[in-house]
Amino acid sequence: MEPDTPPNALRPDLELHARRCVICHHPRRDEIEEEFVYWGHPGSIVKKFGLRHRSLLYRHARAHRLYEARATNLRAALDHIIERASVSPVSSDAIVRAIKTYAHVNDQGKWEEPIHKVMAVKEASQFQEIQLVVDPSLYEAYKARQMASAEALKEANRDL
């Protein structure tokens, strides 16, 4: 069992949940779940799909582990902030922080420090061409990150 998964006693019984859940029987269930996973506002989702209360949405999301899918999709939430920057009264500081965060979150929703590229210009002679020198440790760090990403992808495919 993964460390983030709750014990069986805390997980709802999916068969019991499915019998009583309004969303499980809703004709537009897939749309409801997609909007939730892509950080749609719960109040808007409830209103749009004619649900009685947000608690129905939260209960369904918990039972079907939509919160985990939503968490890996942090970039969609940041997309909302960045896209609405020109039409919403959002401070420039909030927009810059959203863009900076967006640059640090990878496709799996994990925080990743970007590789800092350091270059130096070395002029050998006044009449010769300029040479760009890249620190070898930077290249090694880049290759290590590529290998780690490839391993994570293999592990994710293995779990499917």
N, C-alpha and C. Protein backbone atom coordinates (compact mmCIF):
# COMPACT_ATOMS: atom_id res chain seq x y z
N MET A 1 0.85 -1.18 0.00
CA MET A 1 0.00 0.00 0.00
C MET A 1 0.89 1.24 0.00
N GLU A 2 0.49 2.24 -0.79
CA GLU A 2 1.24 3.48 -0.87
C GLU A 2 1.06 4.27 0.42
N PRO A 3 2.05 5.11 0.80
CA PRO A 3 1.93 5.86 2.04
C PRO A 3 0.81 6.90 2.01
N ASP A 4 0.41 7.39 0.83
CA ASP A 4 -0.62 8.41 0.76
C ASP A 4 -2.03 7.85 0.74
N THR A 5 -2.17 6.53 0.56
CA THR A 5 -3.51 5.96 0.48
C THR A 5 -4.04 5.70 1.88
N PRO A 6 -5.32 6.02 2.10
CA PRO A 6 -5.89 5.79 3.43
C PRO A 6 -6.12 4.31 3.67
N PRO A 7 -6.18 3.89 4.93
CA PRO A 7 -6.47 2.49 5.21
C PRO A 7 -7.85 2.12 4.70
N ASN A 8 -8.09 0.83 4.52
CA ASN A 8 -9.36 0.37 3.96
C ASN A 8 -10.57 0.85 4.74
N ALA A 9 -10.44 1.01 6.05
CA ALA A 9 -11.57 1.45 6.87
C ALA A 9 -12.02 2.86 6.49
N LEU A 10 -11.11 3.69 5.96
CA LEU A 10 -11.46 5.05 5.61
C LEU A 10 -11.95 5.19 4.17
N ARG A 11 -11.79 4.16 3.38
CA ARG A 11 -12.25 4.19 2.00
C ARG A 11 -13.72 3.80 1.94
N PRO A 12 -14.51 4.55 1.17
CA PRO A 12 -15.92 4.18 1.06
C PRO A 12 -16.09 2.92 0.23
N ASP A 13 -17.12 2.18 0.52
CA ASP A 13 -17.46 0.99 -0.26
C ASP A 13 -18.04 1.48 -1.58
N LEU A 14 -17.35 1.19 -2.68
CA LEU A 14 -17.77 1.73 -3.98
C LEU A 14 -19.13 1.21 -4.44
N GLU A 15 -19.45 -0.02 -4.11
CA GLU A 15 -20.75 -0.55 -4.50
C GLU A 15 -21.87 0.18 -3.77
N LEU A 16 -21.71 0.38 -2.47
CA LEU A 16 -22.70 1.11 -1.70
C LEU A 16 -22.77 2.56 -2.18
N HIS A 17 -21.61 3.15 -2.41
CA HIS A 17 -21.56 4.52 -2.90
C HIS A 17 -22.31 4.65 -4.23
N ALA A 18 -22.04 3.74 -5.17
CA ALA A 18 -22.64 3.81 -6.50
C ALA A 18 -24.16 3.68 -6.44
N ARG A 19 -24.68 2.90 -5.50
CA ARG A 19 -26.13 2.74 -5.38
C ARG A 19 -26.81 4.03 -4.93
N ARG A 20 -26.13 4.80 -4.08
CA ARG A 20 -26.75 5.97 -3.48
C ARG A 20 -26.32 7.30 -4.12
N CYS A 21 -25.30 7.28 -4.93
CA CYS A 21 -24.69 8.52 -5.44
C CYS A 21 -25.47 9.08 -6.63
N VAL A 22 -25.83 10.34 -6.50
CA VAL A 22 -26.54 11.05 -7.57
C VAL A 22 -25.63 11.23 -8.79
N ILE A 23 -24.35 11.50 -8.56
CA ILE A 23 -23.42 11.75 -9.66
C ILE A 23 -23.12 10.47 -10.43
N CYS A 24 -23.02 9.33 -9.73
CA CYS A 24 -22.76 8.07 -10.42
C CYS A 24 -23.88 7.74 -11.42
N HIS A 25 -25.09 8.19 -11.15
CA HIS A 25 -26.23 7.92 -12.03
C HIS A 25 -26.57 9.10 -12.93
N HIS A 26 -25.79 10.15 -12.86
CA HIS A 26 -26.06 11.35 -13.65
C HIS A 26 -25.69 11.09 -15.11
N PRO A 27 -26.52 11.54 -16.06
CA PRO A 27 -26.21 11.29 -17.48
C PRO A 27 -24.94 12.01 -17.96
N ARG A 28 -24.52 13.04 -17.25
CA ARG A 28 -23.31 13.78 -17.65
C ARG A 28 -22.19 13.59 -16.62
N ARG A 29 -22.11 12.41 -16.07
CA ARG A 29 -21.11 12.11 -15.02
C ARG A 29 -19.69 12.41 -15.48
N ASP A 30 -19.35 12.00 -16.70
CA ASP A 30 -17.99 12.22 -17.19
C ASP A 30 -17.64 13.71 -17.23
N GLU A 31 -18.58 14.53 -17.64
CA GLU A 31 -18.34 15.97 -17.69
C GLU A 31 -18.15 16.55 -16.29
N ILE A 32 -18.95 16.08 -15.34
CA ILE A 32 -18.83 16.54 -13.96
C ILE A 32 -17.45 16.20 -13.41
N GLU A 33 -17.03 14.95 -13.60
CA GLU A 33 -15.72 14.52 -13.10
C GLU A 33 -14.59 15.29 -13.79
N GLU A 34 -14.72 15.52 -15.10
CA GLU A 34 -13.67 16.24 -15.82
C GLU A 34 -13.55 17.68 -15.32
N GLU A 35 -14.67 18.33 -15.11
CA GLU A 35 -14.61 19.70 -14.60
C GLU A 35 -13.99 19.74 -13.22
N PHE A 36 -14.30 18.77 -12.37
CA PHE A 36 -13.72 18.74 -11.04
C PHE A 36 -12.21 18.52 -11.11
N VAL A 37 -11.78 17.56 -11.93
CA VAL A 37 -10.35 17.24 -12.05
C VAL A 37 -9.58 18.42 -12.63
N TYR A 38 -10.21 19.19 -13.53
CA TYR A 38 -9.54 20.34 -14.12
C TYR A 38 -9.84 21.62 -13.35
N TRP A 39 -10.05 21.49 -12.06
CA TRP A 39 -10.15 22.60 -11.12
C TRP A 39 -11.31 23.55 -11.39
N GLY A 40 -12.43 22.99 -11.86
CA GLY A 40 -13.62 23.82 -11.98
C GLY A 40 -14.12 24.17 -10.58
N HIS A 41 -14.74 25.31 -10.43
CA HIS A 41 -15.25 25.74 -9.13
C HIS A 41 -16.42 24.83 -8.72
N PRO A 42 -16.36 24.21 -7.53
CA PRO A 42 -17.41 23.28 -7.10
C PRO A 42 -18.82 23.90 -7.15
N GLY A 43 -18.95 25.16 -6.73
CA GLY A 43 -20.26 25.80 -6.78
C GLY A 43 -20.79 25.92 -8.20
N SER A 44 -19.90 26.23 -9.14
CA SER A 44 -20.30 26.33 -10.55
C SER A 44 -20.68 24.97 -11.11
N ILE A 45 -19.95 23.93 -10.72
CA ILE A 45 -20.25 22.58 -11.19
C ILE A 45 -21.63 22.15 -10.69
N VAL A 46 -21.89 22.41 -9.42
CA VAL A 46 -23.19 22.05 -8.82
C VAL A 46 -24.32 22.75 -9.56
N LYS A 47 -24.15 24.03 -9.81
CA LYS A 47 -25.18 24.81 -10.49
C LYS A 47 -25.37 24.36 -11.94
N LYS A 48 -24.25 24.16 -12.65
CA LYS A 48 -24.30 23.81 -14.06
C LYS A 48 -25.00 22.47 -14.31
N PHE A 49 -24.76 21.50 -13.42
CA PHE A 49 -25.30 20.16 -13.64
C PHE A 49 -26.53 19.86 -12.77
N GLY A 50 -27.06 20.86 -12.09
CA GLY A 50 -28.30 20.70 -11.33
C GLY A 50 -28.20 19.77 -10.13
N LEU A 51 -27.06 19.80 -9.46
CA LEU A 51 -26.89 18.98 -8.26
C LEU A 51 -27.45 19.75 -7.06
N ARG A 52 -27.84 19.04 -6.00
CA ARG A 52 -28.45 19.69 -4.84
C ARG A 52 -27.45 20.44 -3.99
N HIS A 53 -26.26 19.88 -3.80
CA HIS A 53 -25.31 20.49 -2.87
C HIS A 53 -23.89 20.06 -3.22
N ARG A 54 -22.94 20.90 -2.82
CA ARG A 54 -21.53 20.58 -3.08
C ARG A 54 -21.07 19.32 -2.37
N SER A 55 -21.70 19.00 -1.26
CA SER A 55 -21.27 17.80 -0.51
C SER A 55 -21.42 16.54 -1.36
N LEU A 56 -22.39 16.52 -2.27
CA LEU A 56 -22.54 15.37 -3.18
C LEU A 56 -21.31 15.24 -4.08
N LEU A 57 -20.84 16.37 -4.56
CA LEU A 57 -19.66 16.38 -5.41
C LEU A 57 -18.42 15.95 -4.63
N TYR A 58 -18.26 16.49 -3.42
CA TYR A 58 -17.09 16.14 -2.60
C TYR A 58 -17.09 14.66 -2.24
N ARG A 59 -18.26 14.11 -1.89
CA ARG A 59 -18.36 12.69 -1.52
C ARG A 59 -18.00 11.81 -2.72
N HIS A 60 -18.52 12.16 -3.89
CA HIS A 60 -18.23 11.40 -5.10
C HIS A 60 -16.73 11.47 -5.44
N ALA A 61 -16.17 12.67 -5.33
CA ALA A 61 -14.73 12.85 -5.63
C ALA A 61 -13.87 12.03 -4.69
N ARG A 62 -14.23 11.99 -3.42
CA ARG A 62 -13.45 11.21 -2.45
C ARG A 62 -13.57 9.72 -2.74
N ALA A 63 -14.77 9.25 -3.07
CA ALA A 63 -14.99 7.82 -3.32
C ALA A 63 -14.23 7.35 -4.57
N HIS A 64 -14.19 8.19 -5.57
CA HIS A 64 -13.55 7.79 -6.84
C HIS A 64 -12.14 8.34 -6.99
N ARG A 65 -11.58 8.86 -5.91
CA ARG A 65 -10.20 9.33 -5.85
C ARG A 65 -9.91 10.42 -6.89
N LEU A 66 -10.88 11.29 -7.08
CA LEU A 66 -10.69 12.40 -8.02
C LEU A 66 -9.77 13.47 -7.45
N TYR A 67 -9.67 13.51 -6.13
CA TYR A 67 -8.75 14.48 -5.52
C TYR A 67 -7.31 14.19 -5.93
N GLU A 68 -6.95 12.90 -6.02
CA GLU A 68 -5.60 12.54 -6.42
C GLU A 68 -5.34 12.96 -7.87
N ALA A 69 -6.32 12.73 -8.74
CA ALA A 69 -6.19 13.14 -10.14
C ALA A 69 -6.09 14.66 -10.24
N ARG A 70 -6.86 15.34 -9.41
CA ARG A 70 -6.85 16.81 -9.41
C ARG A 70 -5.49 17.33 -8.94
N ALA A 71 -4.93 16.68 -7.94
CA ALA A 71 -3.64 17.13 -7.40
C ALA A 71 -2.52 17.02 -8.42
N THR A 72 -2.57 15.99 -9.26
CA THR A 72 -1.54 15.85 -10.27
C THR A 72 -1.76 16.82 -11.42
N ASN A 73 -2.90 17.50 -11.41
CA ASN A 73 -3.24 18.42 -12.48
C ASN A 73 -3.17 19.87 -12.01
N LEU A 74 -2.16 20.20 -11.23
CA LEU A 74 -2.01 21.55 -10.69
C LEU A 74 -1.85 22.60 -11.78
N ARG A 75 -1.28 22.20 -12.88
CA ARG A 75 -1.07 23.17 -13.96
C ARG A 75 -2.39 23.72 -14.49
N ALA A 76 -3.46 22.93 -14.45
CA ALA A 76 -4.76 23.41 -14.93
C ALA A 76 -5.26 24.54 -14.04
N ALA A 77 -5.04 24.43 -12.73
CA ALA A 77 -5.46 25.50 -11.81
C ALA A 77 -4.67 26.77 -12.09
N LEU A 78 -3.39 26.61 -12.33
CA LEU A 78 -2.56 27.77 -12.65
C LEU A 78 -2.94 28.37 -14.00
N ASP A 79 -3.35 27.50 -14.93
CA ASP A 79 -3.84 28.00 -16.23
C ASP A 79 -5.00 28.97 -16.05
N HIS A 80 -5.92 28.61 -15.15
CA HIS A 80 -7.09 29.48 -14.89
C HIS A 80 -6.63 30.86 -14.44
N ILE A 81 -5.69 30.90 -13.52
CA ILE A 81 -5.21 32.19 -12.99
C ILE A 81 -4.54 33.00 -14.10
N ILE A 82 -3.66 32.35 -14.84
CA ILE A 82 -2.91 33.05 -15.88
C ILE A 82 -3.84 33.54 -17.01
N GLU A 83 -4.79 32.69 -17.41
CA GLU A 83 -5.69 33.06 -18.50
C GLU A 83 -6.62 34.20 -18.11
N ARG A 84 -7.02 34.27 -16.86
CA ARG A 84 -7.95 35.30 -16.41
C ARG A 84 -7.24 36.59 -16.00
N ALA A 85 -5.95 36.65 -16.14
CA ALA A 85 -5.18 37.80 -15.68
C ALA A 85 -5.61 39.10 -16.34
N SER A 86 -5.98 39.05 -17.60
CA SER A 86 -6.33 40.29 -18.30
C SER A 86 -7.76 40.75 -18.05
N VAL A 87 -8.61 39.88 -17.52
CA VAL A 87 -10.02 40.25 -17.33
C VAL A 87 -10.45 40.23 -15.86
N SER A 88 -9.57 39.85 -14.96
CA SER A 88 -9.91 39.79 -13.54
C SER A 88 -9.08 40.79 -12.75
N PRO A 89 -9.61 41.23 -11.64
CA PRO A 89 -8.82 42.14 -10.80
C PRO A 89 -7.79 41.38 -9.97
N VAL A 90 -6.81 40.81 -10.65
CA VAL A 90 -5.75 40.04 -10.01
C VAL A 90 -4.50 40.90 -10.01
N SER A 91 -3.77 40.89 -8.90
CA SER A 91 -2.56 41.71 -8.83
C SER A 91 -1.48 41.14 -9.74
N SER A 92 -0.59 42.01 -10.17
CA SER A 92 0.50 41.56 -11.02
C SER A 92 1.41 40.60 -10.28
N ASP A 93 1.53 40.78 -8.96
CA ASP A 93 2.35 39.87 -8.15
C ASP A 93 1.77 38.46 -8.19
N ALA A 94 0.45 38.33 -8.10
CA ALA A 94 -0.20 37.01 -8.14
C ALA A 94 0.01 36.35 -9.50
N ILE A 95 -0.05 37.14 -10.56
CA ILE A 95 0.15 36.60 -11.90
C ILE A 95 1.58 36.10 -12.07
N VAL A 96 2.54 36.89 -11.64
CA VAL A 96 3.95 36.50 -11.75
C VAL A 96 4.22 35.25 -10.93
N ARG A 97 3.67 35.18 -9.72
CA ARG A 97 3.87 33.98 -8.88
C ARG A 97 3.22 32.75 -9.51
N ALA A 98 2.05 32.91 -10.13
CA ALA A 98 1.39 31.79 -10.80
C ALA A 98 2.24 31.29 -11.96
N ILE A 99 2.79 32.20 -12.73
CA ILE A 99 3.65 31.81 -13.87
C ILE A 99 4.92 31.13 -13.37
N LYS A 100 5.50 31.66 -12.31
CA LYS A 100 6.72 31.05 -11.75
C LYS A 100 6.42 29.64 -11.23
N THR A 101 5.30 29.50 -10.55
CA THR A 101 4.91 28.17 -10.05
C THR A 101 4.66 27.22 -11.21
N TYR A 102 3.97 27.70 -12.24
CA TYR A 102 3.69 26.90 -13.42
C TYR A 102 4.98 26.35 -14.03
N ALA A 103 6.02 27.18 -14.04
CA ALA A 103 7.30 26.76 -14.60
C ALA A 103 7.98 25.69 -13.74
N HIS A 104 7.62 25.60 -12.46
CA HIS A 104 8.25 24.65 -11.56
C HIS A 104 7.49 23.33 -11.43
N VAL A 105 6.23 23.28 -11.87
CA VAL A 105 5.42 22.07 -11.71
C VAL A 105 5.49 21.26 -13.00
N ASN A 106 5.84 19.97 -12.87
CA ASN A 106 5.94 19.14 -14.07
C ASN A 106 4.56 18.56 -14.43
N ASP A 107 4.50 17.74 -15.46
CA ASP A 107 3.23 17.20 -15.95
C ASP A 107 2.56 16.25 -14.95
N GLN A 108 3.32 15.72 -14.01
CA GLN A 108 2.75 14.83 -13.00
C GLN A 108 2.32 15.59 -11.75
N GLY A 109 2.43 16.92 -11.77
CA GLY A 109 2.02 17.73 -10.63
C GLY A 109 3.06 17.81 -9.53
N LYS A 110 4.26 17.43 -9.83
CA LYS A 110 5.35 17.46 -8.84
C LYS A 110 6.20 18.71 -9.03
N TRP A 111 6.68 19.24 -7.90
CA TRP A 111 7.55 20.42 -7.93
C TRP A 111 8.92 20.00 -8.44
N GLU A 112 9.44 20.75 -9.38
CA GLU A 112 10.74 20.43 -9.96
C GLU A 112 11.52 21.72 -10.15
N GLU A 113 12.71 21.75 -9.60
CA GLU A 113 13.56 22.93 -9.78
C GLU A 113 14.08 22.94 -11.22
N PRO A 114 13.96 24.06 -11.90
CA PRO A 114 14.49 24.10 -13.27
C PRO A 114 16.02 24.08 -13.26
N ILE A 115 16.57 23.58 -14.33
CA ILE A 115 18.02 23.55 -14.45
C ILE A 115 18.49 24.97 -14.77
N HIS A 116 19.45 25.43 -14.01
CA HIS A 116 20.00 26.75 -14.24
C HIS A 116 21.13 26.62 -15.26
N LYS A 117 20.98 27.30 -16.35
CA LYS A 117 21.98 27.24 -17.40
C LYS A 117 22.99 28.35 -17.18
N VAL A 118 24.24 27.95 -17.01
CA VAL A 118 25.31 28.92 -16.81
C VAL A 118 26.25 28.83 -17.99
N MET A 119 26.43 29.94 -18.64
CA MET A 119 27.34 29.98 -19.78
C MET A 119 28.35 31.09 -19.57
N ALA A 120 29.51 30.88 -20.08
CA ALA A 120 30.55 31.90 -20.01
C ALA A 120 31.06 32.14 -21.43
N VAL A 121 31.37 33.36 -21.71
CA VAL A 121 31.91 33.71 -23.03
C VAL A 121 33.43 33.85 -22.87
N LYS A 122 34.12 33.17 -23.72
CA LYS A 122 35.57 33.20 -23.66
C LYS A 122 36.09 33.67 -25.02
N GLU A 123 36.79 34.76 -25.00
CA GLU A 123 37.33 35.32 -26.23
C GLU A 123 38.79 34.90 -26.32
N ALA A 124 39.11 34.07 -27.29
CA ALA A 124 40.47 33.57 -27.42
C ALA A 124 41.39 34.65 -27.97
N SER A 125 40.93 35.37 -28.89
CA SER A 125 41.74 36.42 -29.51
C SER A 125 40.79 37.44 -30.12
N GLN A 126 41.29 38.60 -30.38
CA GLN A 126 40.43 39.66 -30.88
C GLN A 126 39.87 39.32 -32.27
N PHE A 127 40.60 38.54 -33.07
CA PHE A 127 40.18 38.26 -34.44
C PHE A 127 39.64 36.85 -34.61
N GLN A 128 39.59 36.07 -33.55
CA GLN A 128 39.05 34.72 -33.65
C GLN A 128 37.59 34.72 -33.18
N GLU A 129 36.93 33.62 -33.42
CA GLU A 129 35.52 33.52 -33.05
C GLU A 129 35.36 33.36 -31.53
N ILE A 130 34.17 33.66 -31.07
CA ILE A 130 33.85 33.54 -29.64
C ILE A 130 33.41 32.10 -29.36
N GLN A 131 33.90 31.55 -28.26
CA GLN A 131 33.55 30.19 -27.87
C GLN A 131 32.63 30.25 -26.64
N LEU A 132 31.56 29.46 -26.67
CA LEU A 132 30.68 29.35 -25.50
C LEU A 132 31.11 28.13 -24.70
N VAL A 133 31.25 28.31 -23.42
CA VAL A 133 31.70 27.23 -22.55
C VAL A 133 30.57 26.92 -21.57
N VAL A 134 30.14 25.65 -21.52
CA VAL A 134 29.09 25.22 -20.60
C VAL A 134 29.74 24.34 -19.54
N ASP A 135 29.38 24.60 -18.30
CA ASP A 135 29.92 23.84 -17.19
C ASP A 135 29.56 22.35 -17.35
N PRO A 136 30.52 21.42 -17.31
CA PRO A 136 30.22 19.99 -17.47
C PRO A 136 29.26 19.46 -16.41
N SER A 137 29.31 20.00 -15.20
CA SER A 137 28.40 19.51 -14.16
C SER A 137 26.95 19.85 -14.50
N LEU A 138 26.72 20.93 -15.22
CA LEU A 138 25.38 21.28 -15.66
C LEU A 138 24.85 20.23 -16.63
N TYR A 139 25.69 19.79 -17.55
CA TYR A 139 25.29 18.76 -18.50
C TYR A 139 25.00 17.45 -17.77
N GLU A 140 25.80 17.10 -16.79
CA GLU A 140 25.59 15.88 -16.01
C GLU A 140 24.27 15.96 -15.25
N ALA A 141 23.95 17.12 -14.66
CA ALA A 141 22.69 17.29 -13.94
C ALA A 141 21.51 17.15 -14.90
N TYR A 142 21.64 17.68 -16.10
CA TYR A 142 20.60 17.58 -17.11
C TYR A 142 20.36 16.11 -17.48
N LYS A 143 21.44 15.37 -17.72
CA LYS A 143 21.31 13.95 -18.08
C LYS A 143 20.71 13.14 -16.93
N ALA A 144 21.09 13.45 -15.69
CA ALA A 144 20.55 12.74 -14.53
C ALA A 144 19.05 12.98 -14.42
N ARG A 145 18.61 14.20 -14.67
CA ARG A 145 17.17 14.51 -14.61
C ARG A 145 16.42 13.77 -15.72
N GLN A 146 17.02 13.68 -16.91
CA GLN A 146 16.39 12.95 -18.00
C GLN A 146 16.25 11.47 -17.65
N MET A 147 17.27 10.90 -17.05
CA MET A 147 17.23 9.49 -16.66
C MET A 147 16.16 9.27 -15.60
N ALA A 148 16.07 10.17 -14.61
CA ALA A 148 15.06 10.04 -13.55
C ALA A 148 13.66 10.14 -14.13
N SER A 149 13.45 11.03 -15.08
CA SER A 149 12.14 11.16 -15.72
C SER A 149 11.79 9.90 -16.50
N ALA A 150 12.76 9.35 -17.19
CA ALA A 150 12.53 8.12 -17.96
C ALA A 150 12.19 6.97 -17.03
N GLU A 151 12.88 6.87 -15.90
CA GLU A 151 12.60 5.81 -14.92
C GLU A 151 11.21 5.98 -14.33
N ALA A 152 10.81 7.21 -14.03
CA ALA A 152 9.48 7.47 -13.46
C ALA A 152 8.41 7.10 -14.47
N LEU A 153 8.64 7.37 -15.74
CA LEU A 153 7.68 7.02 -16.78
C LEU A 153 7.55 5.51 -16.92
N LYS A 154 8.68 4.80 -16.88
CA LYS A 154 8.66 3.34 -16.94
C LYS A 154 7.88 2.77 -15.76
N GLU A 155 8.11 3.34 -14.56
CA GLU A 155 7.43 2.87 -13.35
C GLU A 155 5.92 3.11 -13.47
N ALA A 156 5.53 4.26 -13.99
CA ALA A 156 4.10 4.57 -14.14
C ALA A 156 3.46 3.63 -15.14
N ASN A 157 4.15 3.31 -16.24
CA ASN A 157 3.62 2.38 -17.23
C ASN A 157 3.53 0.96 -16.69
N ARG A 158 4.45 0.62 -15.81
CA ARG A 158 4.44 -0.70 -15.20
C ARG A 158 3.23 -0.86 -14.29
N ASP A 159 2.83 0.22 -13.59
CA ASP A 159 1.70 0.17 -12.69
C ASP A 159 0.37 0.03 -13.44
N LEU A 160 0.33 0.46 -14.69
CA LEU A 160 -0.90 0.36 -15.48
C LEU A 160 -1.08 -1.06 -15.88
